[in-house]
Amino acid sequence: MLNSKATDTVTIRKMILSRGPEAMERMLSKLKTSKDLFLSLSLTEWIPMDKEDEIIQAAADIIFPSDPKAIRRLGTEISKTNFSGIYKVFLRVSSVAFIAKRVSAVWHTFFDKGDAHCEGLTDSHVTFVVTEMPDLTPIHREYVHGYIYGIFELTRSKITEIIHDGSNPQAWKWEVKWVGNK
């Protein structure tokens, strides 16, 4: 079973709490199998991906209720929140190439399986590739799409396009094109 670091779940919990008790009640009512984890996990613990999928879907429905790309938007907001503070300052002065070289290390911080790397890096294009993780769920693939977008926003790059290629479960790909920060 795939697991991910509970950092995002904790951030989602804070986002829901900040929206008041009604939002938390709606969130808890949507969670069928992950309610206890949602309420109790700390930043350093691991959560099974199927449980986190339920949390991501429920939170996206509450925070972005009429948005057809709610999961993607949630991924964007979570990445910008998780990479705030000193990370935000660091990302603003870093090049995309510098960040791309650290994709594998970041991936292993958040997931207990799989590997990530970049291919075809130019001044305005890169492809993020995740291998050895054929059961990365559709919810997480959409969420990763948004997460990538958020990180690029923090680098002050303007994404012109992200295309997810889900045709090969042995190598999930996100092709990113941008203008701005090289």
C-alpha atoms as a PDB file:
ATOM      1  CA  MET A   1       0.000   0.000   0.000  1.00  0.00           C
ATOM      2  CA  LEU A   2       1.160   3.510  -0.814  1.00  0.00           C
ATOM      3  CA  ASN A   3       1.601   6.040   1.941  1.00  0.00           C
ATOM      4  CA  SER A   4       2.196   9.740   1.938  1.00  0.00           C
ATOM      5  CA  LYS A   5       3.450  12.056   4.631  1.00  0.00           C
ATOM      6  CA  ALA A   6       0.553  13.561   6.606  1.00  0.00           C
ATOM      7  CA  THR A   7       1.846  17.102   6.053  1.00  0.00           C
ATOM      8  CA  ASP A   8      -0.865  17.845   3.500  1.00  0.00           C
ATOM      9  CA  THR A   9      -3.579  16.290   5.650  1.00  0.00           C
ATOM     10  CA  VAL A  10      -2.550  18.487   8.575  1.00  0.00           C
ATOM     11  CA  THR A  11      -2.546  21.554   6.314  1.00  0.00           C
ATOM     12  CA  ILE A  12      -6.001  20.632   5.000  1.00  0.00           C
ATOM     13  CA  ARG A  13      -7.250  20.236   8.574  1.00  0.00           C
ATOM     14  CA  LYS A  14      -6.009  23.765   9.375  1.00  0.00           C
ATOM     15  CA  MET A  15      -7.666  25.138   6.235  1.00  0.00           C
ATOM     16  CA  ILE A  16     -10.990  23.530   7.139  1.00  0.00           C
ATOM     17  CA  LEU A  17     -10.748  24.721  10.764  1.00  0.00           C
ATOM     18  CA  SER A  18     -10.101  28.273   9.569  1.00  0.00           C
ATOM     19  CA  ARG A  19     -13.447  28.176   7.759  1.00  0.00           C
ATOM     20  CA  GLY A  20     -15.322  27.635  11.009  1.00  0.00           C
ATOM     21  CA  PRO A  21     -17.230  24.864  12.782  1.00  0.00           C
ATOM     22  CA  GLU A  22     -19.754  24.382   9.966  1.00  0.00           C
ATOM     23  CA  ALA A  23     -16.965  23.596   7.516  1.00  0.00           C
ATOM     24  CA  MET A  24     -15.475  21.083   9.956  1.00  0.00           C
ATOM     25  CA  GLU A  25     -18.872  19.444  10.447  1.00  0.00           C
ATOM     26  CA  ARG A  26     -19.318  19.136   6.661  1.00  0.00           C
ATOM     27  CA  MET A  27     -15.810  17.744   6.328  1.00  0.00           C
ATOM     28  CA  LEU A  28     -16.306  15.112   9.011  1.00  0.00           C
ATOM     29  CA  SER A  29     -19.649  14.089   7.528  1.00  0.00           C
ATOM     30  CA  LYS A  30     -17.961  13.438   4.165  1.00  0.00           C
ATOM     31  CA  LEU A  31     -15.231  11.230   5.657  1.00  0.00           C
ATOM     32  CA  LYS A  32     -16.354   7.615   5.826  1.00  0.00           C
ATOM     33  CA  THR A  33     -13.098   5.761   6.533  1.00  0.00           C
ATOM     34  CA  SER A  34     -10.540   8.442   7.391  1.00  0.00           C
ATOM     35  CA  LYS A  35     -12.246  10.618  10.014  1.00  0.00           C
ATOM     36  CA  ASP A  36     -10.038   9.491  12.915  1.00  0.00           C
ATOM     37  CA  LEU A  37      -6.856   9.961  10.879  1.00  0.00           C
ATOM     38  CA  PHE A  38      -7.969  13.394   9.725  1.00  0.00           C
ATOM     39  CA  LEU A  39      -8.460  14.514  13.304  1.00  0.00           C
ATOM     40  CA  SER A  40      -5.354  12.958  14.834  1.00  0.00           C
ATOM     41  CA  LEU A  41      -2.406  12.811  12.423  1.00  0.00           C
ATOM     42  CA  SER A  42       0.705  14.879  13.018  1.00  0.00           C
ATOM     43  CA  LEU A  43       3.076  16.284  10.402  1.00  0.00           C
ATOM     44  CA  THR A  44       5.598  13.455  10.736  1.00  0.00           C
ATOM     45  CA  GLU A  45       3.209  10.508  10.413  1.00  0.00           C
ATOM     46  CA  TRP A  46       2.272   8.575   7.287  1.00  0.00           C
ATOM     47  CA  ILE A  47      -1.226   8.143   5.877  1.00  0.00           C
ATOM     48  CA  PRO A  48      -2.382   5.450   3.431  1.00  0.00           C
ATOM     49  CA  MET A  49      -3.017   7.043   0.054  1.00  0.00           C
ATOM     50  CA  ASP A  50      -6.601   5.794  -0.176  1.00  0.00           C
ATOM     51  CA  LYS A  51      -7.387   7.565   3.117  1.00  0.00           C
ATOM     52  CA  GLU A  52      -5.687  10.749   1.964  1.00  0.00           C
ATOM     53  CA  ASP A  53      -7.630  10.558  -1.311  1.00  0.00           C
ATOM     54  CA  GLU A  54     -10.863  10.645   0.676  1.00  0.00           C
ATOM     55  CA  ILE A  55      -9.604  13.668   2.640  1.00  0.00           C
ATOM     56  CA  ILE A  56      -8.430  15.496  -0.493  1.00  0.00           C
ATOM     57  CA  GLN A  57     -11.727  14.898  -2.299  1.00  0.00           C
ATOM     58  CA  ALA A  58     -13.829  16.010   0.676  1.00  0.00           C
ATOM     59  CA  ALA A  59     -11.725  19.123   1.282  1.00  0.00           C
ATOM     60  CA  ALA A  60     -11.754  20.073  -2.399  1.00  0.00           C
ATOM     61  CA  ASP A  61     -15.557  19.772  -2.443  1.00  0.00           C
ATOM     62  CA  ILE A  62     -15.849  22.057   0.608  1.00  0.00           C
ATOM     63  CA  ILE A  63     -13.198  24.654  -0.234  1.00  0.00           C
ATOM     64  CA  PHE A  64     -13.905  24.881  -3.988  1.00  0.00           C
ATOM     65  CA  PRO A  65     -17.503  23.633  -4.195  1.00  0.00           C
ATOM     66  CA  SER A  66     -18.372  24.635  -7.754  1.00  0.00           C
ATOM     67  CA  ASP A  67     -14.949  24.288  -9.358  1.00  0.00           C
ATOM     68  CA  PRO A  68     -14.538  21.358 -11.772  1.00  0.00           C
ATOM     69  CA  LYS A  69     -10.784  21.479 -11.062  1.00  0.00           C
ATOM     70  CA  ALA A  70     -11.208  21.588  -7.273  1.00  0.00           C
ATOM     71  CA  ILE A  71      -8.625  18.884  -6.540  1.00  0.00           C
ATOM     72  CA  ARG A  72      -6.057  20.628  -8.718  1.00  0.00           C
ATOM     73  CA  ARG A  73      -6.771  23.974  -7.025  1.00  0.00           C
ATOM     74  CA  LEU A  74      -6.437  22.350  -3.619  1.00  0.00           C
ATOM     75  CA  GLY A  75      -3.032  20.953  -4.642  1.00  0.00           C
ATOM     76  CA  THR A  76      -1.951  24.446  -5.690  1.00  0.00           C
ATOM     77  CA  GLU A  77      -3.047  26.019  -2.421  1.00  0.00           C
ATOM     78  CA  ILE A  78      -1.507  23.272  -0.293  1.00  0.00           C
ATOM     79  CA  SER A  79       1.862  23.537  -2.062  1.00  0.00           C
ATOM     80  CA  LYS A  80       1.902  27.308  -1.597  1.00  0.00           C
ATOM     81  CA  THR A  81       1.018  26.879   2.084  1.00  0.00           C
ATOM     82  CA  ASN A  82       3.517  24.092   2.722  1.00  0.00           C
ATOM     83  CA  PHE A  83       6.316  25.989   1.023  1.00  0.00           C
ATOM     84  CA  SER A  84       5.701  29.255   2.874  1.00  0.00           C
ATOM     85  CA  GLY A  85       8.086  31.005   5.229  1.00  0.00           C
ATOM     86  CA  ILE A  86      11.757  30.476   4.478  1.00  0.00           C
ATOM     87  CA  TYR A  87      10.923  28.067   1.649  1.00  0.00           C
ATOM     88  CA  LYS A  88       8.906  30.779  -0.079  1.00  0.00           C
ATOM     89  CA  VAL A  89      11.847  33.180   0.030  1.00  0.00           C
ATOM     90  CA  PHE A  90      14.156  30.438  -1.218  1.00  0.00           C
ATOM     91  CA  LEU A  91      11.827  29.519  -4.103  1.00  0.00           C
ATOM     92  CA  ARG A  92      11.563  33.156  -5.201  1.00  0.00           C
ATOM     93  CA  VAL A  93      15.313  33.392  -5.728  1.00  0.00           C
ATOM     94  CA  SER A  94      15.854  29.885  -7.115  1.00  0.00           C
ATOM     95  CA  SER A  95      15.816  28.939 -10.748  1.00  0.00           C
ATOM     96  CA  VAL A  96      13.431  26.312 -12.045  1.00  0.00           C
ATOM     97  CA  ALA A  97      16.502  24.262 -13.013  1.00  0.00           C
ATOM     98  CA  PHE A  98      17.755  24.331  -9.426  1.00  0.00           C
ATOM     99  CA  ILE A  99      14.389  23.139  -8.155  1.00  0.00           C
ATOM    100  CA  ALA A 100      14.061  20.491 -10.879  1.00  0.00           C
ATOM    101  CA  LYS A 101      17.306  18.916  -9.751  1.00  0.00           C
ATOM    102  CA  ARG A 102      15.815  18.372  -6.285  1.00  0.00           C
ATOM    103  CA  VAL A 103      12.531  16.771  -7.358  1.00  0.00           C
ATOM    104  CA  SER A 104      13.588  13.278  -6.292  1.00  0.00           C
ATOM    105  CA  ALA A 105      14.506  14.357  -2.772  1.00  0.00           C
ATOM    106  CA  VAL A 106      11.255  16.263  -2.373  1.00  0.00           C
ATOM    107  CA  TRP A 107       9.252  13.295  -3.686  1.00  0.00           C
ATOM    108  CA  HIS A 108      10.829  10.970  -1.116  1.00  0.00           C
ATOM    109  CA  THR A 109       9.983  13.440   1.631  1.00  0.00           C
ATOM    110  CA  PHE A 110       6.277  13.125   0.853  1.00  0.00           C
ATOM    111  CA  PHE A 111       5.852   9.564  -0.497  1.00  0.00           C
ATOM    112  CA  ASP A 112       7.165   6.230   0.742  1.00  0.00           C
ATOM    113  CA  LYS A 113       7.312   4.687  -2.752  1.00  0.00           C
ATOM    114  CA  GLY A 114       8.113   5.698  -6.271  1.00  0.00           C
ATOM    115  CA  ASP A 115      10.781   7.917  -7.677  1.00  0.00           C
ATOM    116  CA  ALA A 116      10.618  11.300  -9.382  1.00  0.00           C
ATOM    117  CA  HIS A 117      12.942  13.032 -11.770  1.00  0.00           C
ATOM    118  CA  CYS A 118      12.895  15.638 -14.530  1.00  0.00           C
ATOM    119  CA  GLU A 119      13.513  15.232 -18.241  1.00  0.00           C
ATOM    120  CA  GLY A 120      14.034  17.674 -21.093  1.00  0.00           C
ATOM    121  CA  LEU A 121      14.798  20.730 -18.974  1.00  0.00           C
ATOM    122  CA  THR A 122      15.160  23.940 -21.000  1.00  0.00           C
ATOM    123  CA  ASP A 123      14.631  27.622 -20.165  1.00  0.00           C
ATOM    124  CA  SER A 124      10.873  27.196 -20.583  1.00  0.00           C
ATOM    125  CA  HIS A 125      10.045  23.485 -20.467  1.00  0.00           C
ATOM    126  CA  VAL A 126      10.469  20.465 -18.214  1.00  0.00           C
ATOM    127  CA  THR A 127       8.766  17.120 -17.812  1.00  0.00           C
ATOM    128  CA  PHE A 128       8.290  15.763 -14.300  1.00  0.00           C
ATOM    129  CA  VAL A 129       8.257  11.959 -14.292  1.00  0.00           C
ATOM    130  CA  VAL A 130       7.132   9.640 -11.507  1.00  0.00           C
ATOM    131  CA  THR A 131       8.184   6.005 -11.853  1.00  0.00           C
ATOM    132  CA  GLU A 132       7.840   2.856  -9.750  1.00  0.00           C
ATOM    133  CA  MET A 133       4.395   3.959  -8.595  1.00  0.00           C
ATOM    134  CA  PRO A 134       1.853   2.429 -10.987  1.00  0.00           C
ATOM    135  CA  ASP A 135      -0.945   2.696  -8.442  1.00  0.00           C
ATOM    136  CA  LEU A 136      -0.709   6.467  -7.995  1.00  0.00           C
ATOM    137  CA  THR A 137      -4.411   7.238  -7.845  1.00  0.00           C
ATOM    138  CA  PRO A 138      -6.264   9.570 -10.236  1.00  0.00           C
ATOM    139  CA  ILE A 139      -7.012  11.889  -7.312  1.00  0.00           C
ATOM    140  CA  HIS A 140      -3.318  12.113  -6.430  1.00  0.00           C
ATOM    141  CA  ARG A 141      -2.311  12.605 -10.070  1.00  0.00           C
ATOM    142  CA  GLU A 142      -4.697  15.582 -10.296  1.00  0.00           C
ATOM    143  CA  TYR A 143      -3.466  16.827  -6.920  1.00  0.00           C
ATOM    144  CA  VAL A 144       0.204  16.587  -8.031  1.00  0.00           C
ATOM    145  CA  HIS A 145      -0.740  18.613 -11.123  1.00  0.00           C
ATOM    146  CA  GLY A 146      -1.947  21.417  -8.860  1.00  0.00           C
ATOM    147  CA  TYR A 147       1.017  21.026  -6.523  1.00  0.00           C
ATOM    148  CA  ILE A 148       3.420  21.576  -9.426  1.00  0.00           C
ATOM    149  CA  TYR A 149       1.484  24.670 -10.437  1.00  0.00           C
ATOM    150  CA  GLY A 150       1.738  26.112  -6.926  1.00  0.00           C
ATOM    151  CA  ILE A 151       5.486  25.582  -6.725  1.00  0.00           C
ATOM    152  CA  PHE A 152       5.966  27.315 -10.071  1.00  0.00           C
ATOM    153  CA  GLU A 153       3.888  30.261  -8.839  1.00  0.00           C
ATOM    154  CA  LEU A 154       6.245  30.574  -5.880  1.00  0.00           C
ATOM    155  CA  THR A 155       9.218  30.798  -8.266  1.00  0.00           C
ATOM    156  CA  ARG A 156       7.466  33.726  -9.974  1.00  0.00           C
ATOM    157  CA  SER A 157       7.203  31.738 -13.186  1.00  0.00           C
ATOM    158  CA  LYS A 158       4.020  31.932 -15.212  1.00  0.00           C
ATOM    159  CA  ILE A 159       2.893  28.516 -16.335  1.00  0.00           C
ATOM    160  CA  THR A 160       1.531  28.546 -19.837  1.00  0.00           C
ATOM    161  CA  GLU A 161       0.620  24.855 -19.863  1.00  0.00           C
ATOM    162  CA  ILE A 162       0.776  21.652 -17.843  1.00  0.00           C
ATOM    163  CA  ILE A 163      -0.116  18.472 -19.667  1.00  0.00           C
ATOM    164  CA  HIS A 164      -0.470  15.270 -17.676  1.00  0.00           C
ATOM    165  CA  ASP A 165       0.316  12.118 -19.623  1.00  0.00           C
ATOM    166  CA  GLY A 166      -1.386   9.262 -17.816  1.00  0.00           C
ATOM    167  CA  SER A 167      -0.987   6.725 -20.602  1.00  0.00           C
ATOM    168  CA  ASN A 168       1.856   4.796 -18.945  1.00  0.00           C
ATOM    169  CA  PRO A 169       1.386   3.850 -15.277  1.00  0.00           C
ATOM    170  CA  GLN A 170       5.079   2.935 -15.153  1.00  0.00           C
ATOM    171  CA  ALA A 171       5.976   6.580 -15.854  1.00  0.00           C
ATOM    172  CA  TRP A 172       3.409   9.262 -14.966  1.00  0.00           C
ATOM    173  CA  LYS A 173       4.404  12.529 -16.654  1.00  0.00           C
ATOM    174  CA  TRP A 174       3.586  16.196 -16.235  1.00  0.00           C
ATOM    175  CA  GLU A 175       4.947  18.352 -19.054  1.00  0.00           C
ATOM    176  CA  VAL A 176       5.297  21.948 -17.887  1.00  0.00           C
ATOM    177  CA  LYS A 177       5.824  25.022 -20.050  1.00  0.00           C
ATOM    178  CA  TRP A 178       6.374  28.454 -18.537  1.00  0.00           C
ATOM    179  CA  VAL A 179       7.648  31.955 -19.067  1.00  0.00           C
ATOM    180  CA  GLY A 180       9.618  33.966 -16.564  1.00  0.00           C
ATOM    181  CA  ASN A 181      12.075  32.568 -14.036  1.00  0.00           C
ATOM    182  CA  LYS A 182      14.585  30.291 -15.737  1.00  0.00           C
END
